[in-house]
Amino acid sequence: MRSFYHYMMTHRGRKKPTDESRLADWMFGEHNFPKHSSSYDEISEYLEWNSPFHGSLQVFDRLWSTYESSE
């Protein structure tokens, strides 16, 4: 199973940014993000303490569902 970070990199670099691409771009630049993790709890807790923008946790939850079904 690939990490959530690896999955999120497919959302980076949109010409017209979406919430999903904003979160992915932030993860890319966030050196302490748990890049090798596939744990919902670990990533969710990290985002709770380091939320990059309002609503990013809701975006994460939505993307996590897609991530789980794609893996």
PDB file of N, CA and C in Angstrom:
ATOM      1  N   MET A   1       0.854  -1.186   0.000  1.00  0.00           N
ATOM      2  CA  MET A   1       0.000   0.000   0.000  1.00  0.00           C
ATOM      3  C   MET A   1       0.893   1.241   0.000  1.00  0.00           C
ATOM      4  N   ARG A   2       0.652   2.136  -0.924  1.00  0.00           N
ATOM      5  CA  ARG A   2       1.452   3.365  -0.945  1.00  0.00           C
ATOM      6  C   ARG A   2       0.990   4.307   0.165  1.00  0.00           C
ATOM      7  N   SER A   3       1.861   5.192   0.544  1.00  0.00           N
ATOM      8  CA  SER A   3       1.535   6.124   1.621  1.00  0.00           C
ATOM      9  C   SER A   3       0.496   7.133   1.145  1.00  0.00           C
ATOM     10  N   PHE A   4      -0.175   7.741   2.104  1.00  0.00           N
ATOM     11  CA  PHE A   4      -1.153   8.777   1.776  1.00  0.00           C
ATOM     12  C   PHE A   4      -0.467   9.945   1.077  1.00  0.00           C
ATOM     13  N   TYR A   5       0.716  10.287   1.531  1.00  0.00           N
ATOM     14  CA  TYR A   5       1.489  11.369   0.898  1.00  0.00           C
ATOM     15  C   TYR A   5       1.712  11.064  -0.582  1.00  0.00           C
ATOM     16  N   HIS A   6       2.122   9.854  -0.884  1.00  0.00           N
ATOM     17  CA  HIS A   6       2.361   9.460  -2.282  1.00  0.00           C
ATOM     18  C   HIS A   6       1.072   9.591  -3.098  1.00  0.00           C
ATOM     19  N   TYR A   7      -0.029   9.157  -2.537  1.00  0.00           N
ATOM     20  CA  TYR A   7      -1.329   9.321  -3.188  1.00  0.00           C
ATOM     21  C   TYR A   7      -1.636  10.805  -3.432  1.00  0.00           C
ATOM     22  N   MET A   8      -1.369  11.634  -2.437  1.00  0.00           N
ATOM     23  CA  MET A   8      -1.685  13.062  -2.539  1.00  0.00           C
ATOM     24  C   MET A   8      -0.867  13.785  -3.605  1.00  0.00           C
ATOM     25  N   MET A   9       0.293  13.273  -3.921  1.00  0.00           N
ATOM     26  CA  MET A   9       1.130  13.947  -4.909  1.00  0.00           C
ATOM     27  C   MET A   9       0.495  13.936  -6.299  1.00  0.00           C
ATOM     28  N   THR A  10      -0.508  13.093  -6.495  1.00  0.00           N
ATOM     29  CA  THR A  10      -1.236  13.099  -7.769  1.00  0.00           C
ATOM     30  C   THR A  10      -2.150  14.318  -7.882  1.00  0.00           C
ATOM     31  N   HIS A  11      -2.338  15.047  -6.784  1.00  0.00           N
ATOM     32  CA  HIS A  11      -3.210  16.229  -6.762  1.00  0.00           C
ATOM     33  C   HIS A  11      -2.427  17.539  -6.834  1.00  0.00           C
ATOM     34  N   ARG A  12      -1.106  17.471  -6.878  1.00  0.00           N
ATOM     35  CA  ARG A  12      -0.276  18.678  -6.860  1.00  0.00           C
ATOM     36  C   ARG A  12      -0.290  19.419  -8.190  1.00  0.00           C
ATOM     37  N   GLY A  13       0.045  20.717  -8.091  1.00  0.00           N
ATOM     38  CA  GLY A  13       0.375  21.513  -9.257  1.00  0.00           C
ATOM     39  C   GLY A  13      -0.745  21.831 -10.224  1.00  0.00           C
ATOM     40  N   ARG A  14      -1.928  22.022  -9.742  1.00  0.00           N
ATOM     41  CA  ARG A  14      -3.047  22.382 -10.623  1.00  0.00           C
ATOM     42  C   ARG A  14      -2.912  23.838 -11.065  1.00  0.00           C
ATOM     43  N   LYS A  15      -3.219  24.108 -12.318  1.00  0.00           N
ATOM     44  CA  LYS A  15      -3.182  25.492 -12.804  1.00  0.00           C
ATOM     45  C   LYS A  15      -4.226  26.338 -12.099  1.00  0.00           C
ATOM     46  N   LYS A  16      -5.403  25.739 -11.898  1.00  0.00           N
ATOM     47  CA  LYS A  16      -6.449  26.401 -11.126  1.00  0.00           C
ATOM     48  C   LYS A  16      -6.570  25.632  -9.814  1.00  0.00           C
ATOM     49  N   PRO A  17      -5.988  26.159  -8.727  1.00  0.00           N
ATOM     50  CA  PRO A  17      -5.943  25.415  -7.463  1.00  0.00           C
ATOM     51  C   PRO A  17      -7.327  25.037  -6.924  1.00  0.00           C
ATOM     52  N   THR A  18      -7.380  23.837  -6.379  1.00  0.00           N
ATOM     53  CA  THR A  18      -8.557  23.340  -5.670  1.00  0.00           C
ATOM     54  C   THR A  18      -8.125  23.136  -4.222  1.00  0.00           C
ATOM     55  N   ASP A  19      -9.071  22.868  -3.344  1.00  0.00           N
ATOM     56  CA  ASP A  19      -8.704  22.563  -1.965  1.00  0.00           C
ATOM     57  C   ASP A  19      -7.793  21.335  -1.909  1.00  0.00           C
ATOM     58  N   GLU A  20      -8.063  20.374  -2.773  1.00  0.00           N
ATOM     59  CA  GLU A  20      -7.251  19.161  -2.811  1.00  0.00           C
ATOM     60  C   GLU A  20      -5.818  19.472  -3.230  1.00  0.00           C
ATOM     61  N   SER A  21      -5.651  20.300  -4.251  1.00  0.00           N
ATOM     62  CA  SER A  21      -4.296  20.633  -4.694  1.00  0.00           C
ATOM     63  C   SER A  21      -3.587  21.534  -3.691  1.00  0.00           C
ATOM     64  N   ARG A  22      -4.320  22.405  -3.034  1.00  0.00           N
ATOM     65  CA  ARG A  22      -3.711  23.243  -1.998  1.00  0.00           C
ATOM     66  C   ARG A  22      -3.165  22.387  -0.859  1.00  0.00           C
ATOM     67  N   LEU A  23      -3.930  21.377  -0.443  1.00  0.00           N
ATOM     68  CA  LEU A  23      -3.473  20.485   0.615  1.00  0.00           C
ATOM     69  C   LEU A  23      -2.251  19.689   0.143  1.00  0.00           C
ATOM     70  N   ALA A  24      -2.295  19.182  -1.070  1.00  0.00           N
ATOM     71  CA  ALA A  24      -1.163  18.417  -1.608  1.00  0.00           C
ATOM     72  C   ALA A  24       0.087  19.284  -1.725  1.00  0.00           C
ATOM     73  N   ASP A  25      -0.054  20.496  -2.210  1.00  0.00           N
ATOM     74  CA  ASP A  25       1.094  21.398  -2.330  1.00  0.00           C
ATOM     75  C   ASP A  25       1.672  21.730  -0.959  1.00  0.00           C
ATOM     76  N   TRP A  26       0.800  21.917   0.016  1.00  0.00           N
ATOM     77  CA  TRP A  26       1.264  22.192   1.373  1.00  0.00           C
ATOM     78  C   TRP A  26       2.030  20.982   1.925  1.00  0.00           C
ATOM     79  N   MET A  27       1.482  19.779   1.737  1.00  0.00           N
ATOM     80  CA  MET A  27       2.154  18.564   2.213  1.00  0.00           C
ATOM     81  C   MET A  27       3.549  18.434   1.607  1.00  0.00           C
ATOM     82  N   PHE A  28       3.657  18.761   0.334  1.00  0.00           N
ATOM     83  CA  PHE A  28       4.931  18.661  -0.367  1.00  0.00           C
ATOM     84  C   PHE A  28       5.990  19.543   0.292  1.00  0.00           C
ATOM     85  N   GLY A  29       5.607  20.733   0.712  1.00  0.00           N
ATOM     86  CA  GLY A  29       6.542  21.661   1.315  1.00  0.00           C
ATOM     87  C   GLY A  29       6.709  21.520   2.819  1.00  0.00           C
ATOM     88  N   GLU A  30       5.876  20.708   3.450  1.00  0.00           N
ATOM     89  CA  GLU A  30       5.891  20.538   4.913  1.00  0.00           C
ATOM     90  C   GLU A  30       6.877  19.427   5.282  1.00  0.00           C
ATOM     91  N   HIS A  31       8.059  19.811   5.727  1.00  0.00           N
ATOM     92  CA  HIS A  31       9.132  18.848   5.973  1.00  0.00           C
ATOM     93  C   HIS A  31       8.822  17.846   7.075  1.00  0.00           C
ATOM     94  N   ASN A  32       7.984  18.198   8.022  1.00  0.00           N
ATOM     95  CA  ASN A  32       7.684  17.290   9.135  1.00  0.00           C
ATOM     96  C   ASN A  32       6.445  16.430   8.905  1.00  0.00           C
ATOM     97  N   PHE A  33       5.782  16.596   7.764  1.00  0.00           N
ATOM     98  CA  PHE A  33       4.600  15.790   7.483  1.00  0.00           C
ATOM     99  C   PHE A  33       5.006  14.311   7.459  1.00  0.00           C
ATOM    100  N   PRO A  34       4.181  13.424   8.046  1.00  0.00           N
ATOM    101  CA  PRO A  34       4.516  11.990   8.069  1.00  0.00           C
ATOM    102  C   PRO A  34       4.358  11.353   6.680  1.00  0.00           C
ATOM    103  N   LYS A  35       5.342  11.547   5.850  1.00  0.00           N
ATOM    104  CA  LYS A  35       5.270  11.180   4.433  1.00  0.00           C
ATOM    105  C   LYS A  35       5.207   9.679   4.166  1.00  0.00           C
ATOM    106  N   HIS A  36       5.632   8.869   5.099  1.00  0.00           N
ATOM    107  CA  HIS A  36       5.620   7.418   4.881  1.00  0.00           C
ATOM    108  C   HIS A  36       4.433   6.735   5.540  1.00  0.00           C
ATOM    109  N   SER A  37       3.537   7.518   6.095  1.00  0.00           N
ATOM    110  CA  SER A  37       2.432   6.956   6.864  1.00  0.00           C
ATOM    111  C   SER A  37       1.227   6.572   5.997  1.00  0.00           C
ATOM    112  N   SER A  38       0.599   5.496   6.421  1.00  0.00           N
ATOM    113  CA  SER A  38      -0.685   5.070   5.859  1.00  0.00           C
ATOM    114  C   SER A  38      -1.724   4.994   6.968  1.00  0.00           C
ATOM    115  N   SER A  39      -1.456   5.697   8.061  1.00  0.00           N
ATOM    116  CA  SER A  39      -2.319   5.664   9.239  1.00  0.00           C
ATOM    117  C   SER A  39      -3.208   6.905   9.288  1.00  0.00           C
ATOM    118  N   TYR A  40      -4.506   6.676   9.250  1.00  0.00           N
ATOM    119  CA  TYR A  40      -5.461   7.782   9.348  1.00  0.00           C
ATOM    120  C   TYR A  40      -5.232   8.588  10.620  1.00  0.00           C
ATOM    121  N   ASP A  41      -5.085   7.897  11.745  1.00  0.00           N
ATOM    122  CA  ASP A  41      -4.934   8.584  13.029  1.00  0.00           C
ATOM    123  C   ASP A  41      -3.683   9.458  13.068  1.00  0.00           C
ATOM    124  N   GLU A  42      -2.571   8.945  12.596  1.00  0.00           N
ATOM    125  CA  GLU A  42      -1.324   9.706  12.608  1.00  0.00           C
ATOM    126  C   GLU A  42      -1.427  10.961  11.739  1.00  0.00           C
ATOM    127  N   ILE A  43      -1.958  10.818  10.548  1.00  0.00           N
ATOM    128  CA  ILE A  43      -2.054  11.959   9.629  1.00  0.00           C
ATOM    129  C   ILE A  43      -3.103  12.950  10.117  1.00  0.00           C
ATOM    130  N   SER A  44      -4.221  12.459  10.573  1.00  0.00           N
ATOM    131  CA  SER A  44      -5.279  13.323  11.081  1.00  0.00           C
ATOM    132  C   SER A  44      -4.788  14.151  12.269  1.00  0.00           C
ATOM    133  N   GLU A  45      -4.087  13.505  13.188  1.00  0.00           N
ATOM    134  CA  GLU A  45      -3.559  14.226  14.346  1.00  0.00           C
ATOM    135  C   GLU A  45      -2.556  15.290  13.904  1.00  0.00           C
ATOM    136  N   TYR A  46      -1.714  14.965  12.951  1.00  0.00           N
ATOM    137  CA  TYR A  46      -0.742  15.949  12.460  1.00  0.00           C
ATOM    138  C   TYR A  46      -1.465  17.164  11.867  1.00  0.00           C
ATOM    139  N   LEU A  47      -2.488  16.898  11.080  1.00  0.00           N
ATOM    140  CA  LEU A  47      -3.238  18.000  10.464  1.00  0.00           C
ATOM    141  C   LEU A  47      -4.011  18.817  11.496  1.00  0.00           C
ATOM    142  N   GLU A  48      -4.491  18.175  12.543  1.00  0.00           N
ATOM    143  CA  GLU A  48      -5.188  18.919  13.600  1.00  0.00           C
ATOM    144  C   GLU A  48      -4.266  19.946  14.249  1.00  0.00           C
ATOM    145  N   TRP A  49      -3.008  19.598  14.408  1.00  0.00           N
ATOM    146  CA  TRP A  49      -2.044  20.508  15.041  1.00  0.00           C
ATOM    147  C   TRP A  49      -1.408  21.476  14.048  1.00  0.00           C
ATOM    148  N   ASN A  50      -1.416  21.144  12.768  1.00  0.00           N
ATOM    149  CA  ASN A  50      -0.700  21.936  11.766  1.00  0.00           C
ATOM    150  C   ASN A  50      -1.574  22.269  10.562  1.00  0.00           C
ATOM    151  N   SER A  51      -2.833  22.476  10.778  1.00  0.00           N
ATOM    152  CA  SER A  51      -3.780  22.714   9.685  1.00  0.00           C
ATOM    153  C   SER A  51      -3.345  23.895   8.814  1.00  0.00           C
ATOM    154  N   PRO A  52      -3.160  23.651   7.515  1.00  0.00           N
ATOM    155  CA  PRO A  52      -2.669  24.713   6.638  1.00  0.00           C
ATOM    156  C   PRO A  52      -3.718  25.756   6.238  1.00  0.00           C
ATOM    157  N   PHE A  53      -5.000  25.407   6.287  1.00  0.00           N
ATOM    158  CA  PHE A  53      -6.062  26.354   5.948  1.00  0.00           C
ATOM    159  C   PHE A  53      -7.382  25.862   6.528  1.00  0.00           C
ATOM    160  N   HIS A  54      -8.300  26.790   6.682  1.00  0.00           N
ATOM    161  CA  HIS A  54      -9.621  26.453   7.214  1.00  0.00           C
ATOM    162  C   HIS A  54     -10.288  25.430   6.303  1.00  0.00           C
ATOM    163  N   GLY A  55     -10.762  24.357   6.888  1.00  0.00           N
ATOM    164  CA  GLY A  55     -11.451  23.320   6.125  1.00  0.00           C
ATOM    165  C   GLY A  55     -10.538  22.212   5.626  1.00  0.00           C
ATOM    166  N   SER A  56      -9.244  22.287   5.939  1.00  0.00           N
ATOM    167  CA  SER A  56      -8.321  21.267   5.421  1.00  0.00           C
ATOM    168  C   SER A  56      -8.609  19.878   6.009  1.00  0.00           C
ATOM    169  N   LEU A  57      -9.141  19.817   7.229  1.00  0.00           N
ATOM    170  CA  LEU A  57      -9.464  18.514   7.805  1.00  0.00           C
ATOM    171  C   LEU A  57     -10.636  17.852   7.075  1.00  0.00           C
ATOM    172  N   GLN A  58     -11.584  18.650   6.644  1.00  0.00           N
ATOM    173  CA  GLN A  58     -12.699  18.100   5.858  1.00  0.00           C
ATOM    174  C   GLN A  58     -12.198  17.607   4.499  1.00  0.00           C
ATOM    175  N   VAL A  59     -11.284  18.360   3.901  1.00  0.00           N
ATOM    176  CA  VAL A  59     -10.686  17.946   2.626  1.00  0.00           C
ATOM    177  C   VAL A  59      -9.933  16.637   2.825  1.00  0.00           C
ATOM    178  N   PHE A  60      -9.161  16.565   3.907  1.00  0.00           N
ATOM    179  CA  PHE A  60      -8.431  15.337   4.217  1.00  0.00           C
ATOM    180  C   PHE A  60      -9.382  14.149   4.363  1.00  0.00           C
ATOM    181  N   ASP A  61     -10.462  14.295   5.121  1.00  0.00           N
ATOM    182  CA  ASP A  61     -11.414  13.193   5.311  1.00  0.00           C
ATOM    183  C   ASP A  61     -11.999  12.719   3.988  1.00  0.00           C
ATOM    184  N   ARG A  62     -12.339  13.656   3.133  1.00  0.00           N
ATOM    185  CA  ARG A  62     -12.896  13.304   1.820  1.00  0.00           C
ATOM    186  C   ARG A  62     -11.852  12.549   0.986  1.00  0.00           C
ATOM    187  N   LEU A  63     -10.623  13.053   0.983  1.00  0.00           N
ATOM    188  CA  LEU A  63      -9.563  12.402   0.210  1.00  0.00           C
ATOM    189  C   LEU A  63      -9.159  11.061   0.794  1.00  0.00           C
ATOM    190  N   TRP A  64      -9.242  10.928   2.107  1.00  0.00           N
ATOM    191  CA  TRP A  64      -8.905   9.655   2.746  1.00  0.00           C
ATOM    192  C   TRP A  64      -9.842   8.555   2.250  1.00  0.00           C
ATOM    193  N   SER A  65     -11.120   8.863   2.117  1.00  0.00           N
ATOM    194  CA  SER A  65     -12.072   7.862   1.608  1.00  0.00           C
ATOM    195  C   SER A  65     -11.686   7.399   0.218  1.00  0.00           C
ATOM    196  N   THR A  66     -11.303   8.335  -0.620  1.00  0.00           N
ATOM    197  CA  THR A  66     -10.875   7.998  -1.983  1.00  0.00           C
ATOM    198  C   THR A  66      -9.582   7.191  -1.951  1.00  0.00           C
ATOM    199  N   TYR A  67      -8.663   7.592  -1.101  1.00  0.00           N
ATOM    200  CA  TYR A  67      -7.393   6.894  -0.943  1.00  0.00           C
ATOM    201  C   TYR A  67      -7.624   5.438  -0.534  1.00  0.00           C
ATOM    202  N   GLU A  68      -8.474   5.221   0.451  1.00  0.00           N
ATOM    203  CA  GLU A  68      -8.745   3.854   0.926  1.00  0.00           C
ATOM    204  C   GLU A  68      -9.355   2.986  -0.179  1.00  0.00           C
ATOM    205  N   SER A  69     -10.246   3.550  -0.948  1.00  0.00           N
ATOM    206  CA  SER A  69     -10.889   2.743  -1.986  1.00  0.00           C
ATOM    207  C   SER A  69      -9.977   2.495  -3.184  1.00  0.00           C
ATOM    208  N   SER A  70      -8.940   3.334  -3.346  1.00  0.00           N
ATOM    209  CA  SER A  70      -8.040   3.154  -4.485  1.00  0.00           C
ATOM    210  C   SER A  70      -6.886   2.208  -4.174  1.00  0.00           C
ATOM    211  N   GLU A  71      -6.670   1.939  -2.910  1.00  0.00           N
ATOM    212  CA  GLU A  71      -5.516   1.103  -2.532  1.00  0.00           C
ATOM    213  C   GLU A  71      -5.921  -0.320  -2.369  1.00  0.00           C
TER     214      GLU A  71
END
